[in-house]
Amino acid sequence: MSVAKGKPITIRFDTHYSLNKAKEWHPSVVANVSAMKDVAVDRVLLRVGHGDGFTTFMDALSGYEFGAFCEEREANQAYAQSAAERLVQMKLPISILQEFQRKLADHFRERARGP
């Protein structure tokens, strides 16, 4: 992918809700990627129902947070429903992450209901 030189960009990796296996993967986000030079961004999405460490869960939650930010600009009920369903399947190891997960899931469930 090519982008114009300039300010850093953020790249969000997520499955489109209309794909057959979209609900099997959590999103990921890479922030502050330099657009001043060629950069390789290699990302592996976390499979729903899996995860073995703090960083994998943080990455997925950040992907949902960024998705919520983007969705605020252009509401998409189907994406919100898909995100809520994937989020609630995460088995997070500490309470602060569980609280963050709950708030994101509540946000997406509300958005899935529509206006």
PDB file of N, CA and C in Angstrom:
ATOM      1  N   MET A   1       0.850  -1.157   0.000  1.00  0.00           N
ATOM      2  CA  MET A   1       0.000   0.000   0.000  1.00  0.00           C
ATOM      3  C   MET A   1       0.898   1.223   0.000  1.00  0.00           C
ATOM      4  N   SER A   2       0.556   2.206  -0.760  1.00  0.00           N
ATOM      5  CA  SER A   2       1.318   3.441  -0.820  1.00  0.00           C
ATOM      6  C   SER A   2       0.484   4.573  -0.249  1.00  0.00           C
ATOM      7  N   VAL A   3       1.133   5.438   0.505  1.00  0.00           N
ATOM      8  CA  VAL A   3       0.470   6.623   1.036  1.00  0.00           C
ATOM      9  C   VAL A   3       1.373   7.822   0.782  1.00  0.00           C
ATOM     10  N   ALA A   4       0.780   8.983   0.716  1.00  0.00           N
ATOM     11  CA  ALA A   4       1.556  10.199   0.491  1.00  0.00           C
ATOM     12  C   ALA A   4       2.440  10.484   1.695  1.00  0.00           C
ATOM     13  N   LYS A   5       3.620  11.021   1.423  1.00  0.00           N
ATOM     14  CA  LYS A   5       4.511  11.397   2.519  1.00  0.00           C
ATOM     15  C   LYS A   5       3.845  12.478   3.350  1.00  0.00           C
ATOM     16  N   GLY A   6       4.153  12.457   4.619  1.00  0.00           N
ATOM     17  CA  GLY A   6       3.577  13.472   5.491  1.00  0.00           C
ATOM     18  C   GLY A   6       3.540  13.010   6.929  1.00  0.00           C
ATOM     19  N   LYS A   7       2.419  13.266   7.552  1.00  0.00           N
ATOM     20  CA  LYS A   7       2.252  12.918   8.955  1.00  0.00           C
ATOM     21  C   LYS A   7       2.175  11.408   9.135  1.00  0.00           C
ATOM     22  N   PRO A   8       2.478  10.930  10.351  1.00  0.00           N
ATOM     23  CA  PRO A   8       2.337   9.490  10.631  1.00  0.00           C
ATOM     24  C   PRO A   8       0.893   9.039  10.427  1.00  0.00           C
ATOM     25  N   ILE A   9       0.723   7.780  10.079  1.00  0.00           N
ATOM     26  CA  ILE A   9      -0.612   7.226   9.862  1.00  0.00           C
ATOM     27  C   ILE A   9      -0.858   6.085  10.845  1.00  0.00           C
ATOM     28  N   THR A  10      -2.114   5.712  10.986  1.00  0.00           N
ATOM     29  CA  THR A  10      -2.514   4.575  11.801  1.00  0.00           C
ATOM     30  C   THR A  10      -3.160   3.560  10.879  1.00  0.00           C
ATOM     31  N   ILE A  11      -2.783   2.305  11.034  1.00  0.00           N
ATOM     32  CA  ILE A  11      -3.314   1.233  10.184  1.00  0.00           C
ATOM     33  C   ILE A  11      -4.131   0.288  11.050  1.00  0.00           C
ATOM     34  N   ARG A  12      -5.362   0.055  10.646  1.00  0.00           N
ATOM     35  CA  ARG A  12      -6.251  -0.858  11.368  1.00  0.00           C
ATOM     36  C   ARG A  12      -6.443  -2.113  10.528  1.00  0.00           C
ATOM     37  N   PHE A  13      -6.223  -3.257  11.165  1.00  0.00           N
ATOM     38  CA  PHE A  13      -6.445  -4.553  10.529  1.00  0.00           C
ATOM     39  C   PHE A  13      -7.696  -5.142  11.159  1.00  0.00           C
ATOM     40  N   ASP A  14      -8.666  -5.472  10.345  1.00  0.00           N
ATOM     41  CA  ASP A  14      -9.902  -6.056  10.864  1.00  0.00           C
ATOM     42  C   ASP A  14     -10.556  -6.836   9.735  1.00  0.00           C
ATOM     43  N   THR A  15     -11.418  -7.757  10.098  1.00  0.00           N
ATOM     44  CA  THR A  15     -12.149  -8.513   9.096  1.00  0.00           C
ATOM     45  C   THR A  15     -13.458  -7.784   8.796  1.00  0.00           C
ATOM     46  N   HIS A  16     -13.872  -7.800   7.560  1.00  0.00           N
ATOM     47  CA  HIS A  16     -15.141  -7.181   7.197  1.00  0.00           C
ATOM     48  C   HIS A  16     -16.260  -8.096   7.676  1.00  0.00           C
ATOM     49  N   TYR A  17     -17.252  -7.525   8.329  1.00  0.00           N
ATOM     50  CA  TYR A  17     -18.337  -8.304   8.931  1.00  0.00           C
ATOM     51  C   TYR A  17     -19.069  -9.208   7.951  1.00  0.00           C
ATOM     52  N   SER A  18     -18.972  -8.942   6.641  1.00  0.00           N
ATOM     53  CA  SER A  18     -19.698  -9.752   5.665  1.00  0.00           C
ATOM     54  C   SER A  18     -18.943 -11.020   5.251  1.00  0.00           C
ATOM     55  N   LEU A  19     -17.689 -11.162   5.649  1.00  0.00           N
ATOM     56  CA  LEU A  19     -16.921 -12.354   5.289  1.00  0.00           C
ATOM     57  C   LEU A  19     -17.370 -13.565   6.098  1.00  0.00           C
ATOM     58  N   ASN A  20     -17.264 -14.741   5.516  1.00  0.00           N
ATOM     59  CA  ASN A  20     -17.724 -15.968   6.176  1.00  0.00           C
ATOM     60  C   ASN A  20     -17.114 -16.198   7.547  1.00  0.00           C
ATOM     61  N   LYS A  21     -15.839 -15.972   7.699  1.00  0.00           N
ATOM     62  CA  LYS A  21     -15.156 -16.271   8.958  1.00  0.00           C
ATOM     63  C   LYS A  21     -14.753 -15.004   9.717  1.00  0.00           C
ATOM     64  N   ALA A  22     -15.438 -13.911   9.452  1.00  0.00           N
ATOM     65  CA  ALA A  22     -15.095 -12.630  10.064  1.00  0.00           C
ATOM     66  C   ALA A  22     -15.157 -12.676  11.584  1.00  0.00           C
ATOM     67  N   LYS A  23     -16.097 -13.429  12.127  1.00  0.00           N
ATOM     68  CA  LYS A  23     -16.280 -13.458  13.581  1.00  0.00           C
ATOM     69  C   LYS A  23     -15.255 -14.334  14.294  1.00  0.00           C
ATOM     70  N   GLU A  24     -14.287 -14.861  13.559  1.00  0.00           N
ATOM     71  CA  GLU A  24     -13.259 -15.711  14.166  1.00  0.00           C
ATOM     72  C   GLU A  24     -11.994 -14.949  14.530  1.00  0.00           C
ATOM     73  N   TRP A  25     -11.937 -13.647  14.223  1.00  0.00           N
ATOM     74  CA  TRP A  25     -10.699 -12.893  14.417  1.00  0.00           C
ATOM     75  C   TRP A  25     -10.945 -11.575  15.114  1.00  0.00           C
ATOM     76  N   HIS A  26     -10.030 -11.208  16.003  1.00  0.00           N
ATOM     77  CA  HIS A  26     -10.056  -9.895  16.642  1.00  0.00           C
ATOM     78  C   HIS A  26      -9.243  -8.924  15.788  1.00  0.00           C
ATOM     79  N   PRO A  27      -9.549  -7.622  15.877  1.00  0.00           N
ATOM     80  CA  PRO A  27      -8.792  -6.639  15.107  1.00  0.00           C
ATOM     81  C   PRO A  27      -7.442  -6.315  15.736  1.00  0.00           C
ATOM     82  N   SER A  28      -6.664  -5.550  15.019  1.00  0.00           N
ATOM     83  CA  SER A  28      -5.361  -5.092  15.482  1.00  0.00           C
ATOM     84  C   SER A  28      -5.156  -3.690  14.914  1.00  0.00           C
ATOM     85  N   VAL A  29      -4.321  -2.903  15.562  1.00  0.00           N
ATOM     86  CA  VAL A  29      -4.036  -1.560  15.078  1.00  0.00           C
ATOM     87  C   VAL A  29      -2.558  -1.250  15.294  1.00  0.00           C
ATOM     88  N   VAL A  30      -1.978  -0.540  14.339  1.00  0.00           N
ATOM     89  CA  VAL A  30      -0.597  -0.082  14.450  1.00  0.00           C
ATOM     90  C   VAL A  30      -0.646   1.436  14.307  1.00  0.00           C
ATOM     91  N   ALA A  31      -0.229   2.133  15.353  1.00  0.00           N
ATOM     92  CA  ALA A  31      -0.288   3.592  15.355  1.00  0.00           C
ATOM     93  C   ALA A  31       1.083   4.194  15.069  1.00  0.00           C
ATOM     94  N   ASN A  32       1.053   5.414  14.586  1.00  0.00           N
ATOM     95  CA  ASN A  32       2.265   6.201  14.354  1.00  0.00           C
ATOM     96  C   ASN A  32       3.239   5.569  13.370  1.00  0.00           C
ATOM     97  N   VAL A  33       2.728   5.062  12.270  1.00  0.00           N
ATOM     98  CA  VAL A  33       3.589   4.519  11.226  1.00  0.00           C
ATOM     99  C   VAL A  33       4.105   5.688  10.390  1.00  0.00           C
ATOM    100  N   SER A  34       5.388   5.744  10.190  1.00  0.00           N
ATOM    101  CA  SER A  34       5.992   6.833   9.427  1.00  0.00           C
ATOM    102  C   SER A  34       5.651   6.700   7.954  1.00  0.00           C
ATOM    103  N   ALA A  35       5.191   7.790   7.395  1.00  0.00           N
ATOM    104  CA  ALA A  35       4.910   7.819   5.961  1.00  0.00           C
ATOM    105  C   ALA A  35       6.057   8.500   5.208  1.00  0.00           C
ATOM    106  N   MET A  36       7.186   8.630   5.868  1.00  0.00           N
ATOM    107  CA  MET A  36       8.342   9.294   5.267  1.00  0.00           C
ATOM    108  C   MET A  36       9.287   8.309   4.578  1.00  0.00           C
ATOM    109  N   LYS A  37       9.099   7.006   4.827  1.00  0.00           N
ATOM    110  CA  LYS A  37       9.978   6.004   4.231  1.00  0.00           C
ATOM    111  C   LYS A  37       9.218   4.693   4.090  1.00  0.00           C
ATOM    112  N   ASP A  38       9.778   3.748   3.362  1.00  0.00           N
ATOM    113  CA  ASP A  38       9.160   2.431   3.233  1.00  0.00           C
ATOM    114  C   ASP A  38       9.224   1.713   4.573  1.00  0.00           C
ATOM    115  N   VAL A  39       8.098   1.141   4.969  1.00  0.00           N
ATOM    116  CA  VAL A  39       8.010   0.442   6.252  1.00  0.00           C
ATOM    117  C   VAL A  39       7.235  -0.856   6.039  1.00  0.00           C
ATOM    118  N   ALA A  40       7.750  -1.949   6.584  1.00  0.00           N
ATOM    119  CA  ALA A  40       7.027  -3.219   6.549  1.00  0.00           C
ATOM    120  C   ALA A  40       6.216  -3.331   7.831  1.00  0.00           C
ATOM    121  N   VAL A  41       4.930  -3.619   7.690  1.00  0.00           N
ATOM    122  CA  VAL A  41       4.057  -3.811   8.848  1.00  0.00           C
ATOM    123  C   VAL A  41       3.514  -5.229   8.752  1.00  0.00           C
ATOM    124  N   ASP A  42       3.996  -6.077   9.612  1.00  0.00           N
ATOM    125  CA  ASP A  42       3.603  -7.488   9.613  1.00  0.00           C
ATOM    126  C   ASP A  42       2.709  -7.709  10.825  1.00  0.00           C
ATOM    127  N   ARG A  43       1.474  -8.118  10.592  1.00  0.00           N
ATOM    128  CA  ARG A  43       0.529  -8.266  11.687  1.00  0.00           C
ATOM    129  C   ARG A  43      -0.149  -9.614  11.623  1.00  0.00           C
ATOM    130  N   VAL A  44      -0.375 -10.220  12.773  1.00  0.00           N
ATOM    131  CA  VAL A  44      -1.129 -11.464  12.891  1.00  0.00           C
ATOM    132  C   VAL A  44      -2.318 -11.178  13.793  1.00  0.00           C
ATOM    133  N   LEU A  45      -3.517 -11.436  13.299  1.00  0.00           N
ATOM    134  CA  LEU A  45      -4.706 -11.198  14.108  1.00  0.00           C
ATOM    135  C   LEU A  45      -4.877 -12.304  15.146  1.00  0.00           C
ATOM    136  N   LEU A  46      -5.432 -11.925  16.297  1.00  0.00           N
ATOM    137  CA  LEU A  46      -5.704 -12.877  17.368  1.00  0.00           C
ATOM    138  C   LEU A  46      -7.010 -13.599  17.061  1.00  0.00           C
ATOM    139  N   ARG A  47      -6.972 -14.913  17.105  1.00  0.00           N
ATOM    140  CA  ARG A  47      -8.163 -15.728  16.847  1.00  0.00           C
ATOM    141  C   ARG A  47      -9.095 -15.645  18.055  1.00  0.00           C
ATOM    142  N   VAL A  48     -10.385 -15.486  17.803  1.00  0.00           N
ATOM    143  CA  VAL A  48     -11.379 -15.436  18.874  1.00  0.00           C
ATOM    144  C   VAL A  48     -11.311 -16.742  19.661  1.00  0.00           C
ATOM    145  N   GLY A  49     -11.323 -16.630  20.984  1.00  0.00           N
ATOM    146  CA  GLY A  49     -11.232 -17.803  21.845  1.00  0.00           C
ATOM    147  C   GLY A  49      -9.819 -18.203  22.177  1.00  0.00           C
ATOM    148  N   HIS A  50      -8.841 -17.451  21.664  1.00  0.00           N
ATOM    149  CA  HIS A  50      -7.438 -17.737  21.920  1.00  0.00           C
ATOM    150  C   HIS A  50      -6.774 -16.529  22.567  1.00  0.00           C
ATOM    151  N   GLY A  51      -5.547 -16.645  22.862  1.00  0.00           N
ATOM    152  CA  GLY A  51      -4.783 -15.555  23.453  1.00  0.00           C
ATOM    153  C   GLY A  51      -4.041 -16.068  24.663  1.00  0.00           C
ATOM    154  N   ASP A  52      -2.780 -15.753  24.715  1.00  0.00           N
ATOM    155  CA  ASP A  52      -1.989 -16.318  25.801  1.00  0.00           C
ATOM    156  C   ASP A  52      -1.166 -15.279  26.540  1.00  0.00           C
ATOM    157  N   GLY A  53      -1.433 -14.031  26.272  1.00  0.00           N
ATOM    158  CA  GLY A  53      -0.632 -13.045  26.955  1.00  0.00           C
ATOM    159  C   GLY A  53      -1.257 -11.679  26.965  1.00  0.00           C
ATOM    160  N   PHE A  54      -0.777 -10.886  27.876  1.00  0.00           N
ATOM    161  CA  PHE A  54      -1.256  -9.525  28.070  1.00  0.00           C
ATOM    162  C   PHE A  54      -1.185  -8.721  26.777  1.00  0.00           C
ATOM    163  N   THR A  55      -0.079  -8.817  26.055  1.00  0.00           N
ATOM    164  CA  THR A  55       0.095  -7.989  24.865  1.00  0.00           C
ATOM    165  C   THR A  55      -0.872  -8.358  23.735  1.00  0.00           C
ATOM    166  N   THR A  56      -1.195  -9.631  23.588  1.00  0.00           N
ATOM    167  CA  THR A  56      -2.141 -10.009  22.538  1.00  0.00           C
ATOM    168  C   THR A  56      -3.529  -9.456  22.842  1.00  0.00           C
ATOM    169  N   PHE A  57      -3.911  -9.477  24.116  1.00  0.00           N
ATOM    170  CA  PHE A  57      -5.215  -8.929  24.491  1.00  0.00           C
ATOM    171  C   PHE A  57      -5.241  -7.411  24.349  1.00  0.00           C
ATOM    172  N   MET A  58      -4.155  -6.758  24.742  1.00  0.00           N
ATOM    173  CA  MET A  58      -4.066  -5.304  24.602  1.00  0.00           C
ATOM    174  C   MET A  58      -4.157  -4.908  23.133  1.00  0.00           C
ATOM    175  N   ASP A  59      -3.509  -5.658  22.273  1.00  0.00           N
ATOM    176  CA  ASP A  59      -3.546  -5.371  20.848  1.00  0.00           C
ATOM    177  C   ASP A  59      -4.981  -5.464  20.317  1.00  0.00           C
ATOM    178  N   ALA A  60      -5.685  -6.539  20.676  1.00  0.00           N
ATOM    179  CA  ALA A  60      -7.065  -6.710  20.206  1.00  0.00           C
ATOM    180  C   ALA A  60      -7.974  -5.616  20.760  1.00  0.00           C
ATOM    181  N   LEU A  61      -7.855  -5.309  22.043  1.00  0.00           N
ATOM    182  CA  LEU A  61      -8.680  -4.248  22.624  1.00  0.00           C
ATOM    183  C   LEU A  61      -8.401  -2.904  21.959  1.00  0.00           C
ATOM    184  N   SER A  62      -7.145  -2.642  21.646  1.00  0.00           N
ATOM    185  CA  SER A  62      -6.801  -1.398  20.940  1.00  0.00           C
ATOM    186  C   SER A  62      -7.441  -1.363  19.554  1.00  0.00           C
ATOM    187  N   GLY A  63      -7.488  -2.510  18.900  1.00  0.00           N
ATOM    188  CA  GLY A  63      -8.143  -2.589  17.603  1.00  0.00           C
ATOM    189  C   GLY A  63      -9.624  -2.259  17.698  1.00  0.00           C
ATOM    190  N   TYR A  64     -10.287  -2.770  18.745  1.00  0.00           N
ATOM    191  CA  TYR A  64     -11.703  -2.449  18.949  1.00  0.00           C
ATOM    192  C   TYR A  64     -11.887  -0.981  19.307  1.00  0.00           C
ATOM    193  N   GLU A  65     -10.984  -0.443  20.126  1.00  0.00           N
ATOM    194  CA  GLU A  65     -11.082   0.967  20.496  1.00  0.00           C
ATOM    195  C   GLU A  65     -10.975   1.849  19.250  1.00  0.00           C
ATOM    196  N   PHE A  66     -10.029   1.537  18.398  1.00  0.00           N
ATOM    197  CA  PHE A  66      -9.877   2.301  17.169  1.00  0.00           C
ATOM    198  C   PHE A  66     -11.100   2.117  16.274  1.00  0.00           C
ATOM    199  N   GLY A  67     -11.654   0.901  16.241  1.00  0.00           N
ATOM    200  CA  GLY A  67     -12.875   0.649  15.481  1.00  0.00           C
ATOM    201  C   GLY A  67     -14.035   1.486  15.997  1.00  0.00           C
ATOM    202  N   ALA A  68     -14.128   1.635  17.323  1.00  0.00           N
ATOM    203  CA  ALA A  68     -15.185   2.464  17.921  1.00  0.00           C
ATOM    204  C   ALA A  68     -15.005   3.923  17.509  1.00  0.00           C
ATOM    205  N   PHE A  69     -13.763   4.374  17.488  1.00  0.00           N
ATOM    206  CA  PHE A  69     -13.469   5.744  17.062  1.00  0.00           C
ATOM    207  C   PHE A  69     -13.906   5.954  15.610  1.00  0.00           C
ATOM    208  N   CYS A  70     -13.535   5.039  14.743  1.00  0.00           N
ATOM    209  CA  CYS A  70     -13.894   5.162  13.321  1.00  0.00           C
ATOM    210  C   CYS A  70     -15.401   5.078  13.137  1.00  0.00           C
ATOM    211  N   GLU A  71     -16.032   4.209  13.901  1.00  0.00           N
ATOM    212  CA  GLU A  71     -17.460   3.997  13.773  1.00  0.00           C
ATOM    213  C   GLU A  71     -18.249   5.231  14.226  1.00  0.00           C
ATOM    214  N   GLU A  72     -17.710   5.991  15.135  1.00  0.00           N
ATOM    215  CA  GLU A  72     -18.383   7.216  15.570  1.00  0.00           C
ATOM    216  C   GLU A  72     -18.565   8.169  14.395  1.00  0.00           C
ATOM    217  N   ARG A  73     -17.670   8.093  13.441  1.00  0.00           N
ATOM    218  CA  ARG A  73     -17.728   8.998  12.294  1.00  0.00           C
ATOM    219  C   ARG A  73     -18.713   8.497  11.243  1.00  0.00           C
ATOM    220  N   GLU A  74     -18.880   7.193  11.152  1.00  0.00           N
ATOM    221  CA  GLU A  74     -19.782   6.604  10.159  1.00  0.00           C
ATOM    222  C   GLU A  74     -20.376   5.325  10.751  1.00  0.00           C
ATOM    223  N   ALA A  75     -21.556   5.441  11.308  1.00  0.00           N
ATOM    224  CA  ALA A  75     -22.187   4.315  12.011  1.00  0.00           C
ATOM    225  C   ALA A  75     -22.423   3.129  11.081  1.00  0.00           C
ATOM    226  N   ASN A  76     -22.161   1.917  11.597  1.00  0.00           N
ATOM    227  CA  ASN A  76     -22.361   0.697  10.836  1.00  0.00           C
ATOM    228  C   ASN A  76     -22.877  -0.358  11.815  1.00  0.00           C
ATOM    229  N   GLN A  77     -24.180  -0.585  11.794  1.00  0.00           N
ATOM    230  CA  GLN A  77     -24.803  -1.512  12.739  1.00  0.00           C
ATOM    231  C   GLN A  77     -24.265  -2.931  12.592  1.00  0.00           C
ATOM    232  N   ALA A  78     -24.002  -3.376  11.372  1.00  0.00           N
ATOM    233  CA  ALA A  78     -23.513  -4.739  11.163  1.00  0.00           C
ATOM    234  C   ALA A  78     -22.123  -4.913  11.774  1.00  0.00           C
ATOM    235  N   TYR A  79     -21.241  -3.904  11.589  1.00  0.00           N
ATOM    236  CA  TYR A  79     -19.915  -4.000  12.201  1.00  0.00           C
ATOM    237  C   TYR A  79     -20.032  -3.984  13.717  1.00  0.00           C
ATOM    238  N   ALA A  80     -20.871  -3.119  14.247  1.00  0.00           N
ATOM    239  CA  ALA A  80     -21.032  -3.020  15.699  1.00  0.00           C
ATOM    240  C   ALA A  80     -21.497  -4.354  16.280  1.00  0.00           C
ATOM    241  N   GLN A  81     -22.431  -5.025  15.627  1.00  0.00           N
ATOM    242  CA  GLN A  81     -22.914  -6.330  16.097  1.00  0.00           C
ATOM    243  C   GLN A  81     -21.791  -7.354  16.070  1.00  0.00           C
ATOM    244  N   SER A  82     -21.032  -7.369  14.989  1.00  0.00           N
ATOM    245  CA  SER A  82     -19.917  -8.299  14.864  1.00  0.00           C
ATOM    246  C   SER A  82     -18.866  -8.043  15.940  1.00  0.00           C
ATOM    247  N   ALA A  83     -18.531  -6.773  16.168  1.00  0.00           N
ATOM    248  CA  ALA A  83     -17.530  -6.425  17.180  1.00  0.00           C
ATOM    249  C   ALA A  83     -18.001  -6.850  18.572  1.00  0.00           C
ATOM    250  N   ALA A  84     -19.254  -6.594  18.902  1.00  0.00           N
ATOM    251  CA  ALA A  84     -19.781  -6.961  20.219  1.00  0.00           C
ATOM    252  C   ALA A  84     -19.714  -8.472  20.430  1.00  0.00           C
ATOM    253  N   GLU A  85     -20.072  -9.237  19.420  1.00  0.00           N
ATOM    254  CA  GLU A  85     -20.049 -10.697  19.535  1.00  0.00           C
ATOM    255  C   GLU A  85     -18.628 -11.228  19.733  1.00  0.00           C
ATOM    256  N   ARG A  86     -17.669 -10.640  19.042  1.00  0.00           N
ATOM    257  CA  ARG A  86     -16.278 -11.084  19.187  1.00  0.00           C
ATOM    258  C   ARG A  86     -15.700 -10.661  20.527  1.00  0.00           C
ATOM    259  N   LEU A  87     -16.010  -9.453  20.950  1.00  0.00           N
ATOM    260  CA  LEU A  87     -15.466  -8.921  22.204  1.00  0.00           C
ATOM    261  C   LEU A  87     -15.847  -9.766  23.417  1.00  0.00           C
ATOM    262  N   VAL A  88     -17.108 -10.154  23.499  1.00  0.00           N
ATOM    263  CA  VAL A  88     -17.564 -10.861  24.709  1.00  0.00           C
ATOM    264  C   VAL A  88     -16.934 -12.247  24.852  1.00  0.00           C
ATOM    265  N   GLN A  89     -16.292 -12.738  23.813  1.00  0.00           N
ATOM    266  CA  GLN A  89     -15.655 -14.053  23.882  1.00  0.00           C
ATOM    267  C   GLN A  89     -14.223 -14.004  24.416  1.00  0.00           C
ATOM    268  N   MET A  90     -13.710 -12.792  24.651  1.00  0.00           N
ATOM    269  CA  MET A  90     -12.348 -12.676  25.170  1.00  0.00           C
ATOM    270  C   MET A  90     -12.323 -13.072  26.648  1.00  0.00           C
ATOM    271  N   LYS A  91     -11.334 -13.849  27.033  1.00  0.00           N
ATOM    272  CA  LYS A  91     -11.134 -14.270  28.422  1.00  0.00           C
ATOM    273  C   LYS A  91      -9.920 -13.524  28.962  1.00  0.00           C
ATOM    274  N   LEU A  92     -10.164 -12.344  29.491  1.00  0.00           N
ATOM    275  CA  LEU A  92      -9.075 -11.467  29.901  1.00  0.00           C
ATOM    276  C   LEU A  92      -8.604 -11.777  31.317  1.00  0.00           C
ATOM    277  N   PRO A  93      -7.292 -11.676  31.546  1.00  0.00           N
ATOM    278  CA  PRO A  93      -6.707 -12.133  32.807  1.00  0.00           C
ATOM    279  C   PRO A  93      -6.776 -11.150  33.974  1.00  0.00           C
ATOM    280  N   ILE A  94      -7.008  -9.865  33.712  1.00  0.00           N
ATOM    281  CA  ILE A  94      -7.030  -8.919  34.834  1.00  0.00           C
ATOM    282  C   ILE A  94      -8.255  -8.009  34.756  1.00  0.00           C
ATOM    283  N   SER A  95      -8.655  -7.493  35.897  1.00  0.00           N
ATOM    284  CA  SER A  95      -9.916  -6.757  35.997  1.00  0.00           C
ATOM    285  C   SER A  95      -9.947  -5.471  35.180  1.00  0.00           C
ATOM    286  N   ILE A  96      -8.849  -4.756  35.077  1.00  0.00           N
ATOM    287  CA  ILE A  96      -8.865  -3.511  34.308  1.00  0.00           C
ATOM    288  C   ILE A  96      -9.138  -3.790  32.833  1.00  0.00           C
ATOM    289  N   LEU A  97      -8.594  -4.872  32.310  1.00  0.00           N
ATOM    290  CA  LEU A  97      -8.871  -5.240  30.918  1.00  0.00           C
ATOM    291  C   LEU A  97     -10.314  -5.713  30.767  1.00  0.00           C
ATOM    292  N   GLN A  98     -10.824  -6.414  31.761  1.00  0.00           N
ATOM    293  CA  GLN A  98     -12.216  -6.868  31.730  1.00  0.00           C
ATOM    294  C   GLN A  98     -13.178  -5.677  31.712  1.00  0.00           C
ATOM    295  N   GLU A  99     -12.857  -4.645  32.487  1.00  0.00           N
ATOM    296  CA  GLU A  99     -13.682  -3.442  32.513  1.00  0.00           C
ATOM    297  C   GLU A  99     -13.651  -2.738  31.160  1.00  0.00           C
ATOM    298  N   PHE A 100     -12.491  -2.634  30.577  1.00  0.00           N
ATOM    299  CA  PHE A 100     -12.338  -2.031  29.257  1.00  0.00           C
ATOM    300  C   PHE A 100     -13.131  -2.832  28.220  1.00  0.00           C
ATOM    301  N   GLN A 101     -13.030  -4.149  28.297  1.00  0.00           N
ATOM    302  CA  GLN A 101     -13.772  -5.038  27.397  1.00  0.00           C
ATOM    303  C   GLN A 101     -15.276  -4.813  27.550  1.00  0.00           C
ATOM    304  N   ARG A 102     -15.746  -4.739  28.781  1.00  0.00           N
ATOM    305  CA  ARG A 102     -17.180  -4.556  29.043  1.00  0.00           C
ATOM    306  C   ARG A 102     -17.679  -3.239  28.454  1.00  0.00           C
ATOM    307  N   LYS A 103     -16.916  -2.168  28.662  1.00  0.00           N
ATOM    308  CA  LYS A 103     -17.326  -0.860  28.145  1.00  0.00           C
ATOM    309  C   LYS A 103     -17.361  -0.844  26.621  1.00  0.00           C
ATOM    310  N   LEU A 104     -16.373  -1.456  25.993  1.00  0.00           N
ATOM    311  CA  LEU A 104     -16.374  -1.532  24.530  1.00  0.00           C
ATOM    312  C   LEU A 104     -17.542  -2.372  24.024  1.00  0.00           C
ATOM    313  N   ALA A 105     -17.790  -3.517  24.656  1.00  0.00           N
ATOM    314  CA  ALA A 105     -18.904  -4.375  24.244  1.00  0.00           C
ATOM    315  C   ALA A 105     -20.235  -3.641  24.407  1.00  0.00           C
ATOM    316  N   ASP A 106     -20.405  -2.928  25.529  1.00  0.00           N
ATOM    317  CA  ASP A 106     -21.635  -2.142  25.739  1.00  0.00           C
ATOM    318  C   ASP A 106     -21.796  -1.100  24.645  1.00  0.00           C
ATOM    319  N   HIS A 107     -20.710  -0.424  24.311  1.00  0.00           N
ATOM    320  CA  HIS A 107     -20.741   0.590  23.253  1.00  0.00           C
ATOM    321  C   HIS A 107     -21.199  -0.022  21.935  1.00  0.00           C
ATOM    322  N   PHE A 108     -20.591  -1.138  21.550  1.00  0.00           N
ATOM    323  CA  PHE A 108     -20.945  -1.747  20.275  1.00  0.00           C
ATOM    324  C   PHE A 108     -22.359  -2.318  20.287  1.00  0.00           C
ATOM    325  N   ARG A 109     -22.797  -2.891  21.406  1.00  0.00           N
ATOM    326  CA  ARG A 109     -24.186  -3.392  21.479  1.00  0.00           C
ATOM    327  C   ARG A 109     -25.184  -2.251  21.300  1.00  0.00           C
ATOM    328  N   GLU A 110     -24.896  -1.118  21.925  1.00  0.00           N
ATOM    329  CA  GLU A 110     -25.773   0.050  21.787  1.00  0.00           C
ATOM    330  C   GLU A 110     -25.804   0.532  20.352  1.00  0.00           C
ATOM    331  N   ARG A 111     -24.638   0.584  19.709  1.00  0.00           N
ATOM    332  CA  ARG A 111     -24.560   1.031  18.316  1.00  0.00           C
ATOM    333  C   ARG A 111     -25.248   0.036  17.380  1.00  0.00           C
ATOM    334  N   ALA A 112     -25.212  -1.243  17.722  1.00  0.00           N
ATOM    335  CA  ALA A 112     -25.846  -2.264  16.872  1.00  0.00           C
ATOM    336  C   ALA A 112     -27.381  -2.125  16.878  1.00  0.00           C
ATOM    337  N   ARG A 113     -27.912  -1.590  17.976  1.00  0.00           N
ATOM    338  CA  ARG A 113     -29.370  -1.382  18.051  1.00  0.00           C
ATOM    339  C   ARG A 113     -29.838  -0.275  17.125  1.00  0.00           C
ATOM    340  N   GLY A 114     -28.928   0.602  16.766  1.00  0.00           N
ATOM    341  CA  GLY A 114     -29.259   1.677  15.829  1.00  0.00           C
ATOM    342  C   GLY A 114     -29.820   2.908  16.505  1.00  0.00           C
ATOM    343  N   PRO A 115     -30.159   3.891  15.668  1.00  0.00           N
ATOM    344  CA  PRO A 115     -30.653   5.181  16.180  1.00  0.00           C
ATOM    345  C   PRO A 115     -32.025   5.085  16.795  1.00  0.00           C
TER     346      PRO A 115
END
